[in-house]
PDB file of N, CA and C in Angstrom:
ATOM      1  N   MET A   1    -104.496  71.524  19.753  1.00  0.00           N
ATOM      2  CA  MET A   1    -104.347  72.496  18.691  1.00  0.00           C
ATOM      3  C   MET A   1    -105.656  72.573  17.915  1.00  0.00           C
ATOM      4  N   SER A   2    -106.133  73.760  17.741  1.00  0.00           N
ATOM      5  CA  SER A   2    -107.387  73.912  17.005  1.00  0.00           C
ATOM      6  C   SER A   2    -107.100  74.409  15.594  1.00  0.00           C
ATOM      7  N   SER A   3    -107.990  74.073  14.723  1.00  0.00           N
ATOM      8  CA  SER A   3    -107.883  74.583  13.363  1.00  0.00           C
ATOM      9  C   SER A   3    -109.251  75.092  12.956  1.00  0.00           C
ATOM     10  N   SER A   4    -109.226  76.003  12.036  1.00  0.00           N
ATOM     11  CA  SER A   4    -110.487  76.562  11.572  1.00  0.00           C
ATOM     12  C   SER A   4    -110.687  76.152  10.123  1.00  0.00           C
ATOM     13  N   SER A   5    -111.854  75.613   9.843  1.00  0.00           N
ATOM     14  CA  SER A   5    -112.127  75.234   8.464  1.00  0.00           C
ATOM     15  C   SER A   5    -112.372  76.474   7.623  1.00  0.00           C
ATOM     16  N   ASP A   6    -112.761  77.575   8.276  1.00  0.00           N
ATOM     17  CA  ASP A   6    -112.980  78.835   7.567  1.00  0.00           C
ATOM     18  C   ASP A   6    -111.899  79.823   7.978  1.00  0.00           C
ATOM     19  N   ILE A   7    -110.836  79.913   7.168  1.00  0.00           N
ATOM     20  CA  ILE A   7    -109.726  80.785   7.547  1.00  0.00           C
ATOM     21  C   ILE A   7    -110.132  82.260   7.603  1.00  0.00           C
ATOM     22  N   THR A   8    -111.195  82.629   6.936  1.00  0.00           N
ATOM     23  CA  THR A   8    -111.630  84.031   6.984  1.00  0.00           C
ATOM     24  C   THR A   8    -112.181  84.395   8.357  1.00  0.00           C
ATOM     25  N   ALA A   9    -112.463  83.412   9.194  1.00  0.00           N
ATOM     26  CA  ALA A   9    -112.965  83.677  10.539  1.00  0.00           C
ATOM     27  C   ALA A   9    -111.839  83.875  11.554  1.00  0.00           C
ATOM     28  N   LEU A  10    -110.601  83.552  11.159  1.00  0.00           N
ATOM     29  CA  LEU A  10    -109.475  83.716  12.071  1.00  0.00           C
ATOM     30  C   LEU A  10    -109.184  85.192  12.301  1.00  0.00           C
ATOM     31  N   GLN A  11    -108.963  85.541  13.554  1.00  0.00           N
ATOM     32  CA  GLN A  11    -108.613  86.906  13.904  1.00  0.00           C
ATOM     33  C   GLN A  11    -107.089  87.064  13.874  1.00  0.00           C
ATOM     34  N   THR A  12    -106.628  88.295  13.726  1.00  0.00           N
ATOM     35  CA  THR A  12    -105.201  88.562  13.848  1.00  0.00           C
ATOM     36  C   THR A  12    -104.864  88.661  15.330  1.00  0.00           C
ATOM     37  N   PRO A  13    -103.590  88.482  15.695  1.00  0.00           N
ATOM     38  CA  PRO A  13    -103.220  88.543  17.111  1.00  0.00           C
ATOM     39  C   PRO A  13    -103.575  89.892  17.733  1.00  0.00           C
ATOM     40  N   PRO A  14    -103.958  89.873  19.020  1.00  0.00           N
ATOM     41  CA  PRO A  14    -104.350  91.128  19.671  1.00  0.00           C
ATOM     42  C   PRO A  14    -103.189  92.096  19.870  1.00  0.00           C
ATOM     43  N   SER A  15    -101.969  91.561  19.954  1.00  0.00           N
ATOM     44  CA  SER A  15    -100.813  92.454  20.100  1.00  0.00           C
ATOM     45  C   SER A  15     -99.594  91.818  19.459  1.00  0.00           C
ATOM     46  N   CYS A  16     -98.653  92.671  19.086  1.00  0.00           N
ATOM     47  CA  CYS A  16     -97.410  92.191  18.494  1.00  0.00           C
ATOM     48  C   CYS A  16     -96.327  93.241  18.679  1.00  0.00           C
ATOM     49  N   THR A  17     -95.111  92.786  18.508  1.00  0.00           N
ATOM     50  CA  THR A  17     -93.959  93.672  18.444  1.00  0.00           C
ATOM     51  C   THR A  17     -93.322  93.435  17.077  1.00  0.00           C
ATOM     52  N   ALA A  18     -93.129  94.502  16.329  1.00  0.00           N
ATOM     53  CA  ALA A  18     -92.535  94.378  14.999  1.00  0.00           C
ATOM     54  C   ALA A  18     -91.278  95.226  14.922  1.00  0.00           C
ATOM     55  N   ASP A  19     -90.255  94.655  14.374  1.00  0.00           N
ATOM     56  CA  ASP A  19     -89.027  95.377  14.091  1.00  0.00           C
ATOM     57  C   ASP A  19     -88.973  95.505  12.583  1.00  0.00           C
ATOM     58  N   PHE A  20     -88.913  96.738  12.093  1.00  0.00           N
ATOM     59  CA  PHE A  20     -88.923  96.890  10.642  1.00  0.00           C
ATOM     60  C   PHE A  20     -87.894  97.910  10.184  1.00  0.00           C
ATOM     61  N   CYS A  21     -87.457  97.712   8.970  1.00  0.00           N
ATOM     62  CA  CYS A  21     -86.489  98.595   8.331  1.00  0.00           C
ATOM     63  C   CYS A  21     -86.962  98.829   6.904  1.00  0.00           C
ATOM     64  N   LEU A  22     -87.339 100.059   6.607  1.00  0.00           N
ATOM     65  CA  LEU A  22     -87.722 100.436   5.248  1.00  0.00           C
ATOM     66  C   LEU A  22     -86.468 100.899   4.515  1.00  0.00           C
ATOM     67  N   ILE A  23     -86.236 100.367   3.341  1.00  0.00           N
ATOM     68  CA  ILE A  23     -85.040 100.683   2.577  1.00  0.00           C
ATOM     69  C   ILE A  23     -85.460 101.341   1.267  1.00  0.00           C
ATOM     70  N   PRO A  24     -85.396 102.687   1.227  1.00  0.00           N
ATOM     71  CA  PRO A  24     -85.732 103.379  -0.021  1.00  0.00           C
ATOM     72  C   PRO A  24     -84.651 103.103  -1.072  1.00  0.00           C
ATOM     73  N   LEU A  25     -85.059 102.705  -2.247  1.00  0.00           N
ATOM     74  CA  LEU A  25     -84.113 102.418  -3.329  1.00  0.00           C
ATOM     75  C   LEU A  25     -84.189 103.511  -4.384  1.00  0.00           C
ATOM     76  N   GLY A  26     -83.059 103.814  -4.959  1.00  0.00           N
ATOM     77  CA  GLY A  26     -83.026 104.788  -6.038  1.00  0.00           C
ATOM     78  C   GLY A  26     -83.068 106.233  -5.584  1.00  0.00           C
ATOM     79  N   THR A  27     -82.704 106.495  -4.336  1.00  0.00           N
ATOM     80  CA  THR A  27     -82.668 107.886  -3.867  1.00  0.00           C
ATOM     81  C   THR A  27     -81.421 108.562  -4.439  1.00  0.00           C
ATOM     82  N   PRO A  28     -81.443 109.894  -4.542  1.00  0.00           N
ATOM     83  CA  PRO A  28     -80.320 110.608  -5.155  1.00  0.00           C
ATOM     84  C   PRO A  28     -78.988 110.432  -4.422  1.00  0.00           C
ATOM     85  N   THR A  29     -79.019 110.194  -3.109  1.00  0.00           N
ATOM     86  CA  THR A  29     -77.785 110.004  -2.348  1.00  0.00           C
ATOM     87  C   THR A  29     -77.877 108.707  -1.554  1.00  0.00           C
ATOM     88  N   ALA A  30     -76.757 108.298  -0.999  1.00  0.00           N
ATOM     89  CA  ALA A  30     -76.726 107.093  -0.174  1.00  0.00           C
ATOM     90  C   ALA A  30     -77.418 107.311   1.168  1.00  0.00           C
ATOM     91  N   SER A  31     -77.505 108.548   1.611  1.00  0.00           N
ATOM     92  CA  SER A  31     -78.142 108.857   2.888  1.00  0.00           C
ATOM     93  C   SER A  31     -79.658 108.734   2.778  1.00  0.00           C
ATOM     94  N   VAL A  32     -80.265 108.126   3.788  1.00  0.00           N
ATOM     95  CA  VAL A  32     -81.723 108.035   3.844  1.00  0.00           C
ATOM     96  C   VAL A  32     -82.253 108.648   5.146  1.00  0.00           C
ATOM     97  N   SER A  33     -81.448 109.494   5.774  1.00  0.00           N
ATOM     98  CA  SER A  33     -81.858 110.089   7.049  1.00  0.00           C
ATOM     99  C   SER A  33     -83.116 110.939   6.899  1.00  0.00           C
ATOM    100  N   LYS A  34     -83.297 111.592   5.759  1.00  0.00           N
ATOM    101  CA  LYS A  34     -84.518 112.383   5.529  1.00  0.00           C
ATOM    102  C   LYS A  34     -85.747 111.477   5.539  1.00  0.00           C
ATOM    103  N   GLU A  35     -85.657 110.355   4.858  1.00  0.00           N
ATOM    104  CA  GLU A  35     -86.777 109.415   4.805  1.00  0.00           C
ATOM    105  C   GLU A  35     -87.034 108.790   6.185  1.00  0.00           C
ATOM    106  N   VAL A  36     -85.959 108.469   6.909  1.00  0.00           N
ATOM    107  CA  VAL A  36     -86.110 107.904   8.248  1.00  0.00           C
ATOM    108  C   VAL A  36     -86.811 108.909   9.162  1.00  0.00           C
ATOM    109  N   ALA A  37     -86.431 110.179   9.075  1.00  0.00           N
ATOM    110  CA  ALA A  37     -87.077 111.211   9.892  1.00  0.00           C
ATOM    111  C   ALA A  37     -88.563 111.314   9.556  1.00  0.00           C
ATOM    112  N   GLU A  38     -88.913 111.202   8.279  1.00  0.00           N
ATOM    113  CA  GLU A  38     -90.322 111.253   7.878  1.00  0.00           C
ATOM    114  C   GLU A  38     -91.097 110.081   8.483  1.00  0.00           C
ATOM    115  N   VAL A  39     -90.491 108.899   8.477  1.00  0.00           N
ATOM    116  CA  VAL A  39     -91.122 107.717   9.063  1.00  0.00           C
ATOM    117  C   VAL A  39     -91.317 107.919  10.569  1.00  0.00           C
ATOM    118  N   GLN A  40     -90.313 108.462  11.240  1.00  0.00           N
ATOM    119  CA  GLN A  40     -90.422 108.686  12.684  1.00  0.00           C
ATOM    120  C   GLN A  40     -91.533 109.690  13.008  1.00  0.00           C
ATOM    121  N   ARG A  41     -91.677 110.720  12.187  1.00  0.00           N
ATOM    122  CA  ARG A  41     -92.761 111.689  12.399  1.00  0.00           C
ATOM    123  C   ARG A  41     -94.128 111.021  12.257  1.00  0.00           C
ATOM    124  N   LEU A  42     -94.257 110.152  11.249  1.00  0.00           N
ATOM    125  CA  LEU A  42     -95.523 109.443  11.057  1.00  0.00           C
ATOM    126  C   LEU A  42     -95.811 108.524  12.243  1.00  0.00           C
ATOM    127  N   LEU A  43     -94.801 107.815  12.723  1.00  0.00           N
ATOM    128  CA  LEU A  43     -94.988 106.923  13.863  1.00  0.00           C
ATOM    129  C   LEU A  43     -95.409 107.706  15.105  1.00  0.00           C
ATOM    130  N   LYS A  44     -94.843 108.872  15.295  1.00  0.00           N
ATOM    131  CA  LYS A  44     -95.223 109.698  16.444  1.00  0.00           C
ATOM    132  C   LYS A  44     -96.708 110.043  16.381  1.00  0.00           C
ATOM    133  N   LYS A  45     -97.187 110.372  15.194  1.00  0.00           N
ATOM    134  CA  LYS A  45     -98.600 110.718  15.016  1.00  0.00           C
ATOM    135  C   LYS A  45     -99.515 109.505  15.171  1.00  0.00           C
ATOM    136  N   SER A  46     -98.979 108.301  15.001  1.00  0.00           N
ATOM    137  CA  SER A  46     -99.801 107.088  15.042  1.00  0.00           C
ATOM    138  C   SER A  46    -100.317 106.775  16.448  1.00  0.00           C
ATOM    139  N   GLY A  47     -99.610 107.235  17.450  1.00  0.00           N
ATOM    140  CA  GLY A  47     -99.992 106.918  18.822  1.00  0.00           C
ATOM    141  C   GLY A  47     -99.477 105.570  19.311  1.00  0.00           C
ATOM    142  N   LEU A  48     -98.813 104.807  18.445  1.00  0.00           N
ATOM    143  CA  LEU A  48     -98.254 103.520  18.844  1.00  0.00           C
ATOM    144  C   LEU A  48     -96.930 103.733  19.563  1.00  0.00           C
ATOM    145  N   LYS A  49     -96.561 102.795  20.421  1.00  0.00           N
ATOM    146  CA  LYS A  49     -95.272 102.847  21.097  1.00  0.00           C
ATOM    147  C   LYS A  49     -94.214 102.377  20.103  1.00  0.00           C
ATOM    148  N   TYR A  50     -93.121 103.133  19.990  1.00  0.00           N
ATOM    149  CA  TYR A  50     -92.075 102.779  19.031  1.00  0.00           C
ATOM    150  C   TYR A  50     -90.731 103.249  19.544  1.00  0.00           C
ATOM    151  N   SER A  51     -89.675 102.691  18.990  1.00  0.00           N
ATOM    152  CA  SER A  51     -88.316 103.081  19.338  1.00  0.00           C
ATOM    153  C   SER A  51     -87.422 102.893  18.121  1.00  0.00           C
ATOM    154  N   MET A  52     -86.790 103.978  17.692  1.00  0.00           N
ATOM    155  CA  MET A  52     -85.857 103.909  16.579  1.00  0.00           C
ATOM    156  C   MET A  52     -84.518 103.376  17.087  1.00  0.00           C
ATOM    157  N   HIS A  53     -83.848 102.588  16.259  1.00  0.00           N
ATOM    158  CA  HIS A  53     -82.484 102.151  16.556  1.00  0.00           C
ATOM    159  C   HIS A  53     -81.658 102.299  15.287  1.00  0.00           C
ATOM    160  N   SER A  54     -80.409 101.926  15.334  1.00  0.00           N
ATOM    161  CA  SER A  54     -79.498 102.217  14.219  1.00  0.00           C
ATOM    162  C   SER A  54     -79.841 101.496  12.925  1.00  0.00           C
ATOM    163  N   ALA A  55     -80.627 100.427  12.998  1.00  0.00           N
ATOM    164  CA  ALA A  55     -80.928  99.657  11.792  1.00  0.00           C
ATOM    165  C   ALA A  55     -82.417  99.484  11.554  1.00  0.00           C
ATOM    166  N   GLY A  56     -83.228 100.382  12.121  1.00  0.00           N
ATOM    167  CA  GLY A  56     -84.666 100.283  11.910  1.00  0.00           C
ATOM    168  C   GLY A  56     -85.444 100.836  13.082  1.00  0.00           C
ATOM    169  N   THR A  57     -86.662 100.345  13.230  1.00  0.00           N
ATOM    170  CA  THR A  57     -87.563 100.808  14.283  1.00  0.00           C
ATOM    171  C   THR A  57     -88.347  99.623  14.821  1.00  0.00           C
ATOM    172  N   THR A  58     -88.559  99.623  16.131  1.00  0.00           N
ATOM    173  CA  THR A  58     -89.410  98.640  16.770  1.00  0.00           C
ATOM    174  C   THR A  58     -90.712  99.342  17.129  1.00  0.00           C
ATOM    175  N   VAL A  59     -91.825  98.699  16.816  1.00  0.00           N
ATOM    176  CA  VAL A  59     -93.143  99.279  17.107  1.00  0.00           C
ATOM    177  C   VAL A  59     -94.022  98.183  17.695  1.00  0.00           C
ATOM    178  N   GLU A  60     -94.879  98.578  18.649  1.00  0.00           N
ATOM    179  CA  GLU A  60     -95.774  97.580  19.231  1.00  0.00           C
ATOM    180  C   GLU A  60     -97.188  98.104  19.295  1.00  0.00           C
ATOM    181  N   GLY A  61     -98.109  97.166  19.218  1.00  0.00           N
ATOM    182  CA  GLY A  61     -99.528  97.478  19.258  1.00  0.00           C
ATOM    183  C   GLY A  61    -100.302  96.298  18.715  1.00  0.00           C
ATOM    184  N   SER A  62    -101.553  96.526  18.363  1.00  0.00           N
ATOM    185  CA  SER A  62    -102.326  95.430  17.763  1.00  0.00           C
ATOM    186  C   SER A  62    -101.720  95.097  16.396  1.00  0.00           C
ATOM    187  N   TRP A  63    -101.883  93.851  16.000  1.00  0.00           N
ATOM    188  CA  TRP A  63    -101.364  93.410  14.695  1.00  0.00           C
ATOM    189  C   TRP A  63    -101.871  94.322  13.590  1.00  0.00           C
ATOM    190  N   ASP A  64    -103.164  94.588  13.596  1.00  0.00           N
ATOM    191  CA  ASP A  64    -103.755  95.390  12.527  1.00  0.00           C
ATOM    192  C   ASP A  64    -103.198  96.811  12.498  1.00  0.00           C
ATOM    193  N   LYS A  65    -103.037  97.424  13.659  1.00  0.00           N
ATOM    194  CA  LYS A  65    -102.507  98.798  13.702  1.00  0.00           C
ATOM    195  C   LYS A  65    -101.041  98.854  13.311  1.00  0.00           C
ATOM    196  N   VAL A  66    -100.264  97.866  13.745  1.00  0.00           N
ATOM    197  CA  VAL A  66     -98.840  97.839  13.402  1.00  0.00           C
ATOM    198  C   VAL A  66     -98.664  97.645  11.895  1.00  0.00           C
ATOM    199  N   MET A  67     -99.391  96.685  11.324  1.00  0.00           N
ATOM    200  CA  MET A  67     -99.279  96.459   9.881  1.00  0.00           C
ATOM    201  C   MET A  67     -99.754  97.681   9.091  1.00  0.00           C
ATOM    202  N   LYS A  68    -100.808  98.328   9.591  1.00  0.00           N
ATOM    203  CA  LYS A  68    -101.327  99.506   8.914  1.00  0.00           C
ATOM    204  C   LYS A  68    -100.289 100.624   8.905  1.00  0.00           C
ATOM    205  N   VAL A  69     -99.648 100.877  10.041  1.00  0.00           N
ATOM    206  CA  VAL A  69     -98.703 101.989  10.085  1.00  0.00           C
ATOM    207  C   VAL A  69     -97.468 101.703   9.222  1.00  0.00           C
ATOM    208  N   ILE A  70     -97.031 100.454   9.158  1.00  0.00           N
ATOM    209  CA  ILE A  70     -95.905 100.127   8.276  1.00  0.00           C
ATOM    210  C   ILE A  70     -96.311 100.370   6.815  1.00  0.00           C
ATOM    211  N   GLY A  71     -97.517  99.971   6.456  1.00  0.00           N
ATOM    212  CA  GLY A  71     -98.018 100.252   5.106  1.00  0.00           C
ATOM    213  C   GLY A  71     -98.133 101.746   4.844  1.00  0.00           C
ATOM    214  N   GLN A  72     -98.573 102.497   5.848  1.00  0.00           N
ATOM    215  CA  GLN A  72     -98.677 103.951   5.689  1.00  0.00           C
ATOM    216  C   GLN A  72     -97.294 104.581   5.489  1.00  0.00           C
ATOM    217  N   CYS A  73     -96.279 104.024   6.135  1.00  0.00           N
ATOM    218  CA  CYS A  73     -94.912 104.519   5.926  1.00  0.00           C
ATOM    219  C   CYS A  73     -94.510 104.327   4.471  1.00  0.00           C
ATOM    220  N   HIS A  74     -94.829 103.168   3.914  1.00  0.00           N
ATOM    221  CA  HIS A  74     -94.543 102.925   2.496  1.00  0.00           C
ATOM    222  C   HIS A  74     -95.266 103.963   1.634  1.00  0.00           C
ATOM    223  N   THR A  75     -96.561 104.113   1.856  1.00  0.00           N
ATOM    224  CA  THR A  75     -97.359 105.031   1.042  1.00  0.00           C
ATOM    225  C   THR A  75     -96.824 106.453   1.127  1.00  0.00           C
ATOM    226  N   MET A  76     -96.497 106.894   2.334  1.00  0.00           N
ATOM    227  CA  MET A  76     -95.988 108.253   2.514  1.00  0.00           C
ATOM    228  C   MET A  76     -94.694 108.468   1.734  1.00  0.00           C
ATOM    229  N   LEU A  77     -93.766 107.514   1.836  1.00  0.00           N
ATOM    230  CA  LEU A  77     -92.507 107.679   1.109  1.00  0.00           C
ATOM    231  C   LEU A  77     -92.722 107.631  -0.398  1.00  0.00           C
ATOM    232  N   HIS A  78     -93.640 106.780  -0.863  1.00  0.00           N
ATOM    233  CA  HIS A  78     -93.972 106.775  -2.292  1.00  0.00           C
ATOM    234  C   HIS A  78     -94.530 108.138  -2.708  1.00  0.00           C
ATOM    235  N   GLN A  79     -95.410 108.692  -1.897  1.00  0.00           N
ATOM    236  CA  GLN A  79     -95.984 110.009  -2.212  1.00  0.00           C
ATOM    237  C   GLN A  79     -94.924 111.108  -2.212  1.00  0.00           C
ATOM    238  N   ASN A  80     -93.850 110.874  -1.464  1.00  0.00           N
ATOM    239  CA  ASN A  80     -92.754 111.847  -1.413  1.00  0.00           C
ATOM    240  C   ASN A  80     -91.701 111.598  -2.487  1.00  0.00           C
ATOM    241  N   GLY A  81     -92.003 110.708  -3.432  1.00  0.00           N
ATOM    242  CA  GLY A  81     -91.125 110.538  -4.585  1.00  0.00           C
ATOM    243  C   GLY A  81     -90.243 109.305  -4.585  1.00  0.00           C
ATOM    244  N   VAL A  82     -90.274 108.500  -3.530  1.00  0.00           N
ATOM    245  CA  VAL A  82     -89.481 107.269  -3.523  1.00  0.00           C
ATOM    246  C   VAL A  82     -90.248 106.227  -4.340  1.00  0.00           C
ATOM    247  N   VAL A  83     -89.649 105.788  -5.432  1.00  0.00           N
ATOM    248  CA  VAL A  83     -90.333 104.905  -6.371  1.00  0.00           C
ATOM    249  C   VAL A  83     -90.381 103.459  -5.878  1.00  0.00           C
ATOM    250  N   ARG A  84     -89.314 103.046  -5.191  1.00  0.00           N
ATOM    251  CA  ARG A  84     -89.237 101.651  -4.760  1.00  0.00           C
ATOM    252  C   ARG A  84     -88.759 101.581  -3.317  1.00  0.00           C
ATOM    253  N   ILE A  85     -89.395 100.730  -2.526  1.00  0.00           N
ATOM    254  CA  ILE A  85     -89.019 100.533  -1.128  1.00  0.00           C
ATOM    255  C   ILE A  85     -88.980  99.035  -0.856  1.00  0.00           C
ATOM    256  N   GLN A  86     -87.912  98.600  -0.258  1.00  0.00           N
ATOM    257  CA  GLN A  86     -87.781  97.217   0.181  1.00  0.00           C
ATOM    258  C   GLN A  86     -87.815  97.242   1.704  1.00  0.00           C
ATOM    259  N   SER A  87     -88.608  96.393   2.333  1.00  0.00           N
ATOM    260  CA  SER A  87     -88.684  96.376   3.785  1.00  0.00           C
ATOM    261  C   SER A  87     -88.368  95.010   4.352  1.00  0.00           C
ATOM    262  N   ASP A  88     -87.660  95.030   5.464  1.00  0.00           N
ATOM    263  CA  ASP A  88     -87.446  93.845   6.269  1.00  0.00           C
ATOM    264  C   ASP A  88     -88.312  94.016   7.509  1.00  0.00           C
ATOM    265  N   ILE A  89     -89.126  93.009   7.815  1.00  0.00           N
ATOM    266  CA  ILE A  89     -90.015  93.074   8.967  1.00  0.00           C
ATOM    267  C   ILE A  89     -89.904  91.760   9.738  1.00  0.00           C
ATOM    268  N   ARG A  90     -89.672  91.890  11.037  1.00  0.00           N
ATOM    269  CA  ARG A  90     -89.665  90.727  11.923  1.00  0.00           C
ATOM    270  C   ARG A  90     -90.722  90.988  12.986  1.00  0.00           C
ATOM    271  N   ILE A  91     -91.653  90.060  13.165  1.00  0.00           N
ATOM    272  CA  ILE A  91     -92.790  90.272  14.058  1.00  0.00           C
ATOM    273  C   ILE A  91     -92.841  89.155  15.092  1.00  0.00           C
ATOM    274  N   GLY A  92     -93.082  89.552  16.331  1.00  0.00           N
ATOM    275  CA  GLY A  92     -93.222  88.580  17.404  1.00  0.00           C
ATOM    276  C   GLY A  92     -94.580  88.719  18.082  1.00  0.00           C
ATOM    277  N   THR A  93     -95.165  87.593  18.424  1.00  0.00           N
ATOM    278  CA  THR A  93     -96.405  87.563  19.196  1.00  0.00           C
ATOM    279  C   THR A  93     -96.245  86.516  20.278  1.00  0.00           C
ATOM    280  N   ARG A  94     -96.998  86.682  21.353  1.00  0.00           N
ATOM    281  CA  ARG A  94     -97.022  85.643  22.384  1.00  0.00           C
ATOM    282  C   ARG A  94     -98.366  85.671  23.082  1.00  0.00           C
ATOM    283  N   THR A  95     -98.739  84.507  23.608  1.00  0.00           N
ATOM    284  CA  THR A  95    -100.047  84.385  24.247  1.00  0.00           C
ATOM    285  C   THR A  95     -99.955  84.132  25.747  1.00  0.00           C
ATOM    286  N   ASP A  96     -98.751  83.825  26.252  1.00  0.00           N
ATOM    287  CA  ASP A  96     -98.635  83.472  27.664  1.00  0.00           C
ATOM    288  C   ASP A  96     -98.575  84.682  28.589  1.00  0.00           C
ATOM    289  N   LYS A  97     -98.130  85.835  28.095  1.00  0.00           N
ATOM    290  CA  LYS A  97     -98.089  87.040  28.919  1.00  0.00           C
ATOM    291  C   LYS A  97     -97.952  88.266  28.043  1.00  0.00           C
ATOM    292  N   LYS A  98     -98.262  89.414  28.626  1.00  0.00           N
ATOM    293  CA  LYS A  98     -98.099  90.682  27.917  1.00  0.00           C
ATOM    294  C   LYS A  98     -96.671  91.158  28.148  1.00  0.00           C
ATOM    295  N   GLN A  99     -95.955  91.425  27.074  1.00  0.00           N
ATOM    296  CA  GLN A  99     -94.566  91.848  27.176  1.00  0.00           C
ATOM    297  C   GLN A  99     -94.252  92.807  26.037  1.00  0.00           C
ATOM    298  N   GLY A 100     -93.850  93.996  26.386  1.00  0.00           N
ATOM    299  CA  GLY A 100     -93.471  94.984  25.386  1.00  0.00           C
ATOM    300  C   GLY A 100     -91.989  94.908  25.072  1.00  0.00           C
ATOM    301  N   PHE A 101     -91.570  95.677  24.060  1.00  0.00           N
ATOM    302  CA  PHE A 101     -90.169  95.601  23.660  1.00  0.00           C
ATOM    303  C   PHE A 101     -89.239  96.088  24.762  1.00  0.00           C
ATOM    304  N   GLN A 102     -89.639  97.071  25.544  1.00  0.00           N
ATOM    305  CA  GLN A 102     -88.778  97.552  26.623  1.00  0.00           C
ATOM    306  C   GLN A 102     -88.633  96.497  27.717  1.00  0.00           C
ATOM    307  N   ASP A 103     -89.692  95.720  27.951  1.00  0.00           N
ATOM    308  CA  ASP A 103     -89.607  94.636  28.934  1.00  0.00           C
ATOM    309  C   ASP A 103     -88.530  93.630  28.546  1.00  0.00           C
ATOM    310  N   LYS A 104     -88.435  93.324  27.268  1.00  0.00           N
ATOM    311  CA  LYS A 104     -87.443  92.367  26.794  1.00  0.00           C
ATOM    312  C   LYS A 104     -86.028  92.890  27.015  1.00  0.00           C
ATOM    313  N   VAL A 105     -85.822  94.154  26.689  1.00  0.00           N
ATOM    314  CA  VAL A 105     -84.509  94.780  26.871  1.00  0.00           C
ATOM    315  C   VAL A 105     -84.158  94.822  28.360  1.00  0.00           C
ATOM    316  N   ASP A 106     -85.116  95.198  29.190  1.00  0.00           N
ATOM    317  CA  ASP A 106     -84.876  95.296  30.629  1.00  0.00           C
ATOM    318  C   ASP A 106     -84.509  93.942  31.233  1.00  0.00           C
ATOM    319  N   ALA A 107     -85.134  92.873  30.760  1.00  0.00           N
ATOM    320  CA  ALA A 107     -84.828  91.537  31.277  1.00  0.00           C
ATOM    321  C   ALA A 107     -83.370  91.171  31.014  1.00  0.00           C
ATOM    322  N   VAL A 108     -82.859  91.485  29.833  1.00  0.00           N
ATOM    323  CA  VAL A 108     -81.461  91.192  29.509  1.00  0.00           C
ATOM    324  C   VAL A 108     -80.533  92.102  30.306  1.00  0.00           C
ATOM    325  N   LYS A 109     -80.901  93.374  30.440  1.00  0.00           N
ATOM    326  CA  LYS A 109     -80.069  94.308  31.217  1.00  0.00           C
ATOM    327  C   LYS A 109     -79.932  93.856  32.671  1.00  0.00           C
ATOM    328  N   ARG A 110     -81.017  93.343  33.256  1.00  0.00           N
ATOM    329  CA  ARG A 110     -80.943  92.851  34.639  1.00  0.00           C
ATOM    330  C   ARG A 110     -79.934  91.713  34.754  1.00  0.00           C
ATOM    331  N   LEU A 111     -79.927  90.816  33.780  1.00  0.00           N
ATOM    332  CA  LEU A 111     -78.960  89.714  33.793  1.00  0.00           C
ATOM    333  C   LEU A 111     -77.536  90.230  33.657  1.00  0.00           C
ATOM    334  N   LEU A 112     -77.338  91.201  32.778  1.00  0.00           N
ATOM    335  CA  LEU A 112     -75.996  91.750  32.578  1.00  0.00           C
ATOM    336  C   LEU A 112     -75.533  92.558  33.788  1.00  0.00           C
ATOM    337  N   GLU A 113     -76.452  93.267  34.410  1.00  0.00           N
ATOM    338  CA  GLU A 113     -76.099  94.031  35.606  1.00  0.00           C
ATOM    339  C   GLU A 113     -75.635  93.104  36.721  1.00  0.00           C
ATOM    340  N   ALA A 114     -76.185  91.907  36.750  1.00  0.00           N
ATOM    341  CA  ALA A 114     -75.751  90.926  37.746  1.00  0.00           C
ATOM    342  C   ALA A 114     -74.298  90.518  37.508  1.00  0.00           C
ATOM    343  N   ASP A 115     -73.830  90.666  36.278  1.00  0.00           N
ATOM    344  CA  ASP A 115     -72.437  90.376  35.951  1.00  0.00           C
ATOM    345  C   ASP A 115     -71.510  91.508  36.374  1.00  0.00           C
ATOM    346  N   GLY A 116     -72.042  92.658  36.702  1.00  0.00           N
ATOM    347  CA  GLY A 116     -71.207  93.776  37.147  1.00  0.00           C
ATOM    348  C   GLY A 116     -71.274  94.989  36.247  1.00  0.00           C
ATOM    349  N   LYS A 117     -71.420  94.794  34.950  1.00  0.00           N
ATOM    350  CA  LYS A 117     -71.589  95.929  34.048  1.00  0.00           C
ATOM    351  C   LYS A 117     -72.210  95.452  32.744  1.00  0.00           C
ATOM    352  N   LEU A 118     -72.812  96.381  32.052  1.00  0.00           N
ATOM    353  CA  LEU A 118     -73.459  96.067  30.773  1.00  0.00           C
ATOM    354  C   LEU A 118     -72.432  95.885  29.691  1.00  0.00           C
ATOM    355  N   ASP A 119     -72.704  94.989  28.759  1.00  0.00           N
ATOM    356  CA  ASP A 119     -71.820  94.749  27.617  1.00  0.00           C
ATOM    357  C   ASP A 119     -71.627  96.042  26.850  1.00  0.00           C
ATOM    358  N   GLY A 120     -70.398  96.366  26.507  1.00  0.00           N
ATOM    359  CA  GLY A 120     -70.113  97.567  25.747  1.00  0.00           C
ATOM    360  C   GLY A 120     -69.798  98.768  26.616  1.00  0.00           C
ATOM    361  N   GLU A 121     -70.045  98.661  27.928  1.00  0.00           N
ATOM    362  CA  GLU A 121     -69.717  99.763  28.831  1.00  0.00           C
ATOM    363  C   GLU A 121     -68.298  99.582  29.339  1.00  0.00           C
ATOM    364  N   GLU A 122     -67.668 100.682  29.658  1.00  0.00           N
ATOM    365  CA  GLU A 122     -66.287 100.613  30.184  1.00  0.00           C
ATOM    366  C   GLU A 122     -66.262 101.013  31.628  1.00  0.00           C
TER     367      GLU A 122
END
């Protein structure tokens, strides 16, 4: 295990997968679908690979680009009148191999297909 005496010399990971959920607080209604759509439009323009799901979005790319786009989502929603945003972010990195979020899902699906059908299917 190596350590650096100068932490400012440490680089951020070359790639990561982040699952994040931005929670706008104080909106006029309980629905946040308008804000979610705005975030999805921004992610599309970012050029990063992403996938929306029912409780957030998964995005992958370099650590710096992923963190930047999540910050840009905050800034955009603030500029659109959302005064407060709470975010949950879970980030994964690995050094042994390159693996995207779809690879992870596909690996589990292959195991479930070996059982005869996917969980939740009839």
